[in-house]
Amino acid sequence: MKKILIVLLVLSFCGIVSAQGFKIGVAGDLAKPTGDWADVTGSTGWGVHAFGVFDLMVLTVTARAGYMDFGEYSEEILGNEITMHTKAIPIMAGLRWNFGLPVGPSVYVGAEAGVHNFTVDVEISGLGSTIPAVTESETRFSLSPSVGLELGPLDLAVYYMYIKDFSYFGARVGFGFGI
């Protein structure tokens, strides 16, 4: 329910602004966790986002919200199997600078800031019993520099998401619809 509400809020924000150069869309992400977090999560993650962008000459204002799933990680410790499943809800806004011609492909660099609400489910089983899953949730500030390419409605980007203890590299493919 929380995920649907966030996506609806972003889409309603997108509907409020109606001007030339505004578009909304959907995107899919692949993510590769880094640092110590990479040792205790799935090898890659995936996600989906709703986004809105508004062009102001060479600057573009961005906003997006979505859902990221970093998969399951299991490890056996002292005869007990510990399974962790990590998910996140990112809410980001930022600016990007486009360079190139006003028509045709456009390369851009950008940065976004926002929050990620992480949820980690932990289950411990072994020795004939299973401890019910425990869920922990935490919201963290996030910052993301990116480089991308717009080919008409198609938006391709690579980025690094900096979040204390939860950073990751990512690649995004999006499709935008002009309003």
C-alpha atoms as a PDB file:
ATOM      1  CA  MET A   1       0.000   0.000   0.000  1.00  0.00           C
ATOM      2  CA  LYS A   2       2.833   2.361   0.912  1.00  0.00           C
ATOM      3  CA  LYS A   3       4.534   1.729  -2.443  1.00  0.00           C
ATOM      4  CA  ILE A   4       1.357   2.425  -4.412  1.00  0.00           C
ATOM      5  CA  LEU A   5       0.747   5.656  -2.469  1.00  0.00           C
ATOM      6  CA  ILE A   6       4.266   6.934  -3.212  1.00  0.00           C
ATOM      7  CA  VAL A   7       3.955   6.194  -6.946  1.00  0.00           C
ATOM      8  CA  LEU A   8       0.546   7.939  -7.026  1.00  0.00           C
ATOM      9  CA  LEU A   9       1.995  11.000  -5.266  1.00  0.00           C
ATOM     10  CA  VAL A  10       4.782  11.305  -7.841  1.00  0.00           C
ATOM     11  CA  LEU A  11       2.340  10.888 -10.718  1.00  0.00           C
ATOM     12  CA  SER A  12      -0.025  13.478  -9.230  1.00  0.00           C
ATOM     13  CA  PHE A  13       2.916  15.902  -8.863  1.00  0.00           C
ATOM     14  CA  CYS A  14       3.637  15.267 -12.525  1.00  0.00           C
ATOM     15  CA  GLY A  15       0.020  16.072 -13.419  1.00  0.00           C
ATOM     16  CA  ILE A  16       0.095  19.425 -11.586  1.00  0.00           C
ATOM     17  CA  VAL A  17       2.807  20.826 -13.826  1.00  0.00           C
ATOM     18  CA  SER A  18       1.759  21.078 -17.449  1.00  0.00           C
ATOM     19  CA  ALA A  19       4.187  22.821 -19.712  1.00  0.00           C
ATOM     20  CA  GLN A  20       6.168  22.154 -22.838  1.00  0.00           C
ATOM     21  CA  GLY A  21       9.173  19.980 -22.025  1.00  0.00           C
ATOM     22  CA  PHE A  22       7.445  18.060 -19.247  1.00  0.00           C
ATOM     23  CA  LYS A  23       7.175  14.290 -19.311  1.00  0.00           C
ATOM     24  CA  ILE A  24       6.374  11.407 -17.013  1.00  0.00           C
ATOM     25  CA  GLY A  25       7.455   7.822 -17.389  1.00  0.00           C
ATOM     26  CA  VAL A  26       8.525   4.511 -15.966  1.00  0.00           C
ATOM     27  CA  ALA A  27      12.012   3.087 -15.551  1.00  0.00           C
ATOM     28  CA  GLY A  28      13.682  -0.182 -14.636  1.00  0.00           C
ATOM     29  CA  ASP A  29      16.911  -0.347 -12.622  1.00  0.00           C
ATOM     30  CA  LEU A  30      19.660  -2.878 -11.986  1.00  0.00           C
ATOM     31  CA  ALA A  31      21.783  -2.309  -8.884  1.00  0.00           C
ATOM     32  CA  LYS A  32      25.080  -3.734  -7.612  1.00  0.00           C
ATOM     33  CA  PRO A  33      25.637  -3.225  -3.849  1.00  0.00           C
ATOM     34  CA  THR A  34      29.107  -2.056  -2.754  1.00  0.00           C
ATOM     35  CA  GLY A  35      31.219  -2.114   0.394  1.00  0.00           C
ATOM     36  CA  ASP A  36      30.423  -4.277   3.420  1.00  0.00           C
ATOM     37  CA  TRP A  37      26.757  -4.330   2.443  1.00  0.00           C
ATOM     38  CA  ALA A  38      27.645  -6.323  -0.713  1.00  0.00           C
ATOM     39  CA  ASP A  39      28.799  -9.157   1.566  1.00  0.00           C
ATOM     40  CA  VAL A  40      25.380  -9.565   3.225  1.00  0.00           C
ATOM     41  CA  THR A  41      22.880  -8.997   0.410  1.00  0.00           C
ATOM     42  CA  GLY A  42      22.027 -10.541  -2.942  1.00  0.00           C
ATOM     43  CA  SER A  43      24.579 -10.042  -5.700  1.00  0.00           C
ATOM     44  CA  THR A  44      22.340  -7.672  -7.672  1.00  0.00           C
ATOM     45  CA  GLY A  45      19.109  -5.816  -7.143  1.00  0.00           C
ATOM     46  CA  TRP A  46      16.333  -4.621  -9.410  1.00  0.00           C
ATOM     47  CA  GLY A  47      13.783  -1.866  -9.218  1.00  0.00           C
ATOM     48  CA  VAL A  48      11.025   0.062 -10.919  1.00  0.00           C
ATOM     49  CA  HIS A  49      10.323   3.802 -10.766  1.00  0.00           C
ATOM     50  CA  ALA A  50       7.773   6.358 -11.831  1.00  0.00           C
ATOM     51  CA  PHE A  51       9.454   9.615 -12.792  1.00  0.00           C
ATOM     52  CA  GLY A  52       8.747  13.123 -13.959  1.00  0.00           C
ATOM     53  CA  VAL A  53      11.104  15.585 -15.658  1.00  0.00           C
ATOM     54  CA  PHE A  54      10.673  19.238 -16.559  1.00  0.00           C
ATOM     55  CA  ASP A  55      13.077  20.888 -19.021  1.00  0.00           C
ATOM     56  CA  LEU A  56      14.314  24.418 -18.311  1.00  0.00           C
ATOM     57  CA  MET A  57      16.625  25.181 -21.256  1.00  0.00           C
ATOM     58  CA  VAL A  58      19.781  23.119 -20.576  1.00  0.00           C
ATOM     59  CA  LEU A  59      18.730  22.191 -17.020  1.00  0.00           C
ATOM     60  CA  THR A  60      16.188  19.491 -16.255  1.00  0.00           C
ATOM     61  CA  VAL A  61      14.391  19.125 -12.925  1.00  0.00           C
ATOM     62  CA  THR A  62      13.841  15.465 -11.983  1.00  0.00           C
ATOM     63  CA  ALA A  63      11.631  13.651  -9.472  1.00  0.00           C
ATOM     64  CA  ARG A  64      11.124   9.931  -9.020  1.00  0.00           C
ATOM     65  CA  ALA A  65       9.873   7.346  -6.577  1.00  0.00           C
ATOM     66  CA  GLY A  66       9.903   3.588  -6.792  1.00  0.00           C
ATOM     67  CA  TYR A  67      10.709   0.209  -5.327  1.00  0.00           C
ATOM     68  CA  MET A  68      14.064  -1.630  -5.187  1.00  0.00           C
ATOM     69  CA  ASP A  69      14.537  -5.309  -4.261  1.00  0.00           C
ATOM     70  CA  PHE A  70      18.060  -6.434  -3.387  1.00  0.00           C
ATOM     71  CA  GLY A  71      17.178 -10.116  -3.067  1.00  0.00           C
ATOM     72  CA  GLU A  72      17.893 -12.720  -0.409  1.00  0.00           C
ATOM     73  CA  TYR A  73      21.127 -13.661   1.263  1.00  0.00           C
ATOM     74  CA  SER A  74      21.530 -16.838   3.352  1.00  0.00           C
ATOM     75  CA  GLU A  75      24.396 -17.918   5.572  1.00  0.00           C
ATOM     76  CA  GLU A  76      24.850 -20.771   8.017  1.00  0.00           C
ATOM     77  CA  ILE A  77      26.224 -19.838  11.444  1.00  0.00           C
ATOM     78  CA  LEU A  78      26.606 -22.394  14.260  1.00  0.00           C
ATOM     79  CA  GLY A  79      24.103 -24.799  12.683  1.00  0.00           C
ATOM     80  CA  ASN A  80      21.490 -22.081  12.122  1.00  0.00           C
ATOM     81  CA  GLU A  81      20.593 -20.689   8.728  1.00  0.00           C
ATOM     82  CA  ILE A  82      20.104 -16.920   8.667  1.00  0.00           C
ATOM     83  CA  THR A  83      18.191 -15.506   5.687  1.00  0.00           C
ATOM     84  CA  MET A  84      17.958 -11.762   5.008  1.00  0.00           C
ATOM     85  CA  HIS A  85      15.847 -10.038   2.355  1.00  0.00           C
ATOM     86  CA  THR A  86      16.479  -6.315   1.690  1.00  0.00           C
ATOM     87  CA  LYS A  87      14.061  -3.924  -0.050  1.00  0.00           C
ATOM     88  CA  ALA A  88      14.016  -0.137  -0.435  1.00  0.00           C
ATOM     89  CA  ILE A  89      11.643   2.660  -1.430  1.00  0.00           C
ATOM     90  CA  PRO A  90      13.661   5.532  -2.978  1.00  0.00           C
ATOM     91  CA  ILE A  91      12.195   9.042  -3.214  1.00  0.00           C
ATOM     92  CA  MET A  92      14.567  11.351  -5.094  1.00  0.00           C
ATOM     93  CA  ALA A  93      14.634  14.805  -6.719  1.00  0.00           C
ATOM     94  CA  GLY A  94      17.430  16.601  -8.528  1.00  0.00           C
ATOM     95  CA  LEU A  95      18.844  18.471 -11.491  1.00  0.00           C
ATOM     96  CA  ARG A  96      20.641  17.407 -14.623  1.00  0.00           C
ATOM     97  CA  TRP A  97      22.516  19.391 -17.214  1.00  0.00           C
ATOM     98  CA  ASN A  98      21.969  18.437 -20.859  1.00  0.00           C
ATOM     99  CA  PHE A  99      24.578  19.041 -23.482  1.00  0.00           C
ATOM    100  CA  GLY A 100      24.126  18.476 -27.155  1.00  0.00           C
ATOM    101  CA  LEU A 101      21.795  19.767 -29.814  1.00  0.00           C
ATOM    102  CA  PRO A 102      18.150  20.594 -29.014  1.00  0.00           C
ATOM    103  CA  VAL A 103      17.102  17.758 -31.342  1.00  0.00           C
ATOM    104  CA  GLY A 104      18.434  14.228 -31.501  1.00  0.00           C
ATOM    105  CA  PRO A 105      20.349  12.348 -28.813  1.00  0.00           C
ATOM    106  CA  SER A 106      21.245  14.306 -25.685  1.00  0.00           C
ATOM    107  CA  VAL A 107      23.960  13.456 -23.146  1.00  0.00           C
ATOM    108  CA  TYR A 108      23.516  14.667 -19.567  1.00  0.00           C
ATOM    109  CA  VAL A 109      25.150  14.704 -16.145  1.00  0.00           C
ATOM    110  CA  GLY A 110      23.080  15.100 -13.037  1.00  0.00           C
ATOM    111  CA  ALA A 111      22.675  14.673  -9.323  1.00  0.00           C
ATOM    112  CA  GLU A 112      19.728  13.688  -7.171  1.00  0.00           C
ATOM    113  CA  ALA A 113      19.160  13.798  -3.425  1.00  0.00           C
ATOM    114  CA  GLY A 114      16.445  12.217  -1.349  1.00  0.00           C
ATOM    115  CA  VAL A 115      15.736   9.324   0.965  1.00  0.00           C
ATOM    116  CA  HIS A 116      15.638   5.542   0.804  1.00  0.00           C
ATOM    117  CA  ASN A 117      13.364   3.674   3.197  1.00  0.00           C
ATOM    118  CA  PHE A 118      15.056   0.294   3.717  1.00  0.00           C
ATOM    119  CA  THR A 119      13.248  -2.788   5.018  1.00  0.00           C
ATOM    120  CA  VAL A 120      15.224  -5.887   6.018  1.00  0.00           C
ATOM    121  CA  ASP A 121      13.446  -9.169   6.786  1.00  0.00           C
ATOM    122  CA  VAL A 122      15.527 -11.637   8.852  1.00  0.00           C
ATOM    123  CA  GLU A 123      14.599 -15.287   9.449  1.00  0.00           C
ATOM    124  CA  ILE A 124      16.640 -17.761  11.524  1.00  0.00           C
ATOM    125  CA  SER A 125      16.077 -21.499  11.156  1.00  0.00           C
ATOM    126  CA  GLY A 126      17.928 -24.611  12.219  1.00  0.00           C
ATOM    127  CA  LEU A 127      18.189 -27.287  14.885  1.00  0.00           C
ATOM    128  CA  GLY A 128      14.566 -28.283  14.270  1.00  0.00           C
ATOM    129  CA  SER A 129      12.951 -24.880  14.798  1.00  0.00           C
ATOM    130  CA  THR A 130      12.328 -21.651  12.951  1.00  0.00           C
ATOM    131  CA  ILE A 131      12.286 -18.235  14.581  1.00  0.00           C
ATOM    132  CA  PRO A 132       9.594 -16.094  12.938  1.00  0.00           C
ATOM    133  CA  ALA A 133      10.787 -13.408  10.541  1.00  0.00           C
ATOM    134  CA  VAL A 134      11.815 -10.114  12.119  1.00  0.00           C
ATOM    135  CA  THR A 135      11.410  -6.946  10.067  1.00  0.00           C
ATOM    136  CA  GLU A 136      13.524  -3.823  10.600  1.00  0.00           C
ATOM    137  CA  SER A 137      12.950  -0.565   8.751  1.00  0.00           C
ATOM    138  CA  GLU A 138      15.136   2.525   8.484  1.00  0.00           C
ATOM    139  CA  THR A 139      15.136   5.696   6.375  1.00  0.00           C
ATOM    140  CA  ARG A 140      18.470   7.056   5.126  1.00  0.00           C
ATOM    141  CA  PHE A 141      19.547  10.174   3.207  1.00  0.00           C
ATOM    142  CA  SER A 142      20.775   9.347  -0.304  1.00  0.00           C
ATOM    143  CA  LEU A 143      22.805  11.236  -2.905  1.00  0.00           C
ATOM    144  CA  SER A 144      23.369  10.137  -6.494  1.00  0.00           C
ATOM    145  CA  PRO A 145      25.569  11.542  -9.285  1.00  0.00           C
ATOM    146  CA  SER A 146      24.641  10.198 -12.736  1.00  0.00           C
ATOM    147  CA  VAL A 147      25.546  10.247 -16.431  1.00  0.00           C
ATOM    148  CA  GLY A 148      22.959   9.471 -19.071  1.00  0.00           C
ATOM    149  CA  LEU A 149      21.764   9.580 -22.654  1.00  0.00           C
ATOM    150  CA  GLU A 150      18.312  10.530 -23.937  1.00  0.00           C
ATOM    151  CA  LEU A 151      17.262   9.049 -27.278  1.00  0.00           C
ATOM    152  CA  GLY A 152      13.803  10.501 -27.867  1.00  0.00           C
ATOM    153  CA  PRO A 153      11.539   8.947 -25.222  1.00  0.00           C
ATOM    154  CA  LEU A 154      14.246   6.464 -24.138  1.00  0.00           C
ATOM    155  CA  ASP A 155      16.430   7.466 -21.151  1.00  0.00           C
ATOM    156  CA  LEU A 156      19.584   5.456 -20.344  1.00  0.00           C
ATOM    157  CA  ALA A 157      21.662   6.267 -17.248  1.00  0.00           C
ATOM    158  CA  VAL A 158      24.389   4.921 -14.985  1.00  0.00           C
ATOM    159  CA  TYR A 159      24.753   6.223 -11.439  1.00  0.00           C
ATOM    160  CA  TYR A 160      26.278   5.695  -8.022  1.00  0.00           C
ATOM    161  CA  MET A 161      23.851   5.867  -5.104  1.00  0.00           C
ATOM    162  CA  TYR A 162      25.644   7.001  -1.944  1.00  0.00           C
ATOM    163  CA  ILE A 163      23.825   5.933   1.227  1.00  0.00           C
ATOM    164  CA  LYS A 164      25.682   5.374   4.492  1.00  0.00           C
ATOM    165  CA  ASP A 165      26.149   1.576   4.821  1.00  0.00           C
ATOM    166  CA  PHE A 166      23.865   0.861   1.793  1.00  0.00           C
ATOM    167  CA  SER A 167      25.607   2.335  -1.314  1.00  0.00           C
ATOM    168  CA  TYR A 168      25.285   0.779  -4.760  1.00  0.00           C
ATOM    169  CA  PHE A 169      26.084   1.244  -8.461  1.00  0.00           C
ATOM    170  CA  GLY A 170      23.097   1.293 -10.775  1.00  0.00           C
ATOM    171  CA  ALA A 171      21.952   1.336 -14.383  1.00  0.00           C
ATOM    172  CA  ARG A 172      18.541   2.607 -15.448  1.00  0.00           C
ATOM    173  CA  VAL A 173      16.459   2.330 -18.614  1.00  0.00           C
ATOM    174  CA  GLY A 174      13.410   4.572 -18.733  1.00  0.00           C
ATOM    175  CA  PHE A 175      10.663   5.436 -21.171  1.00  0.00           C
ATOM    176  CA  GLY A 176       9.053   8.894 -20.941  1.00  0.00           C
ATOM    177  CA  PHE A 177       5.765  10.207 -22.259  1.00  0.00           C
ATOM    178  CA  GLY A 178       5.514  13.906 -23.153  1.00  0.00           C
ATOM    179  CA  ILE A 179       2.530  15.802 -21.792  1.00  0.00           C
END
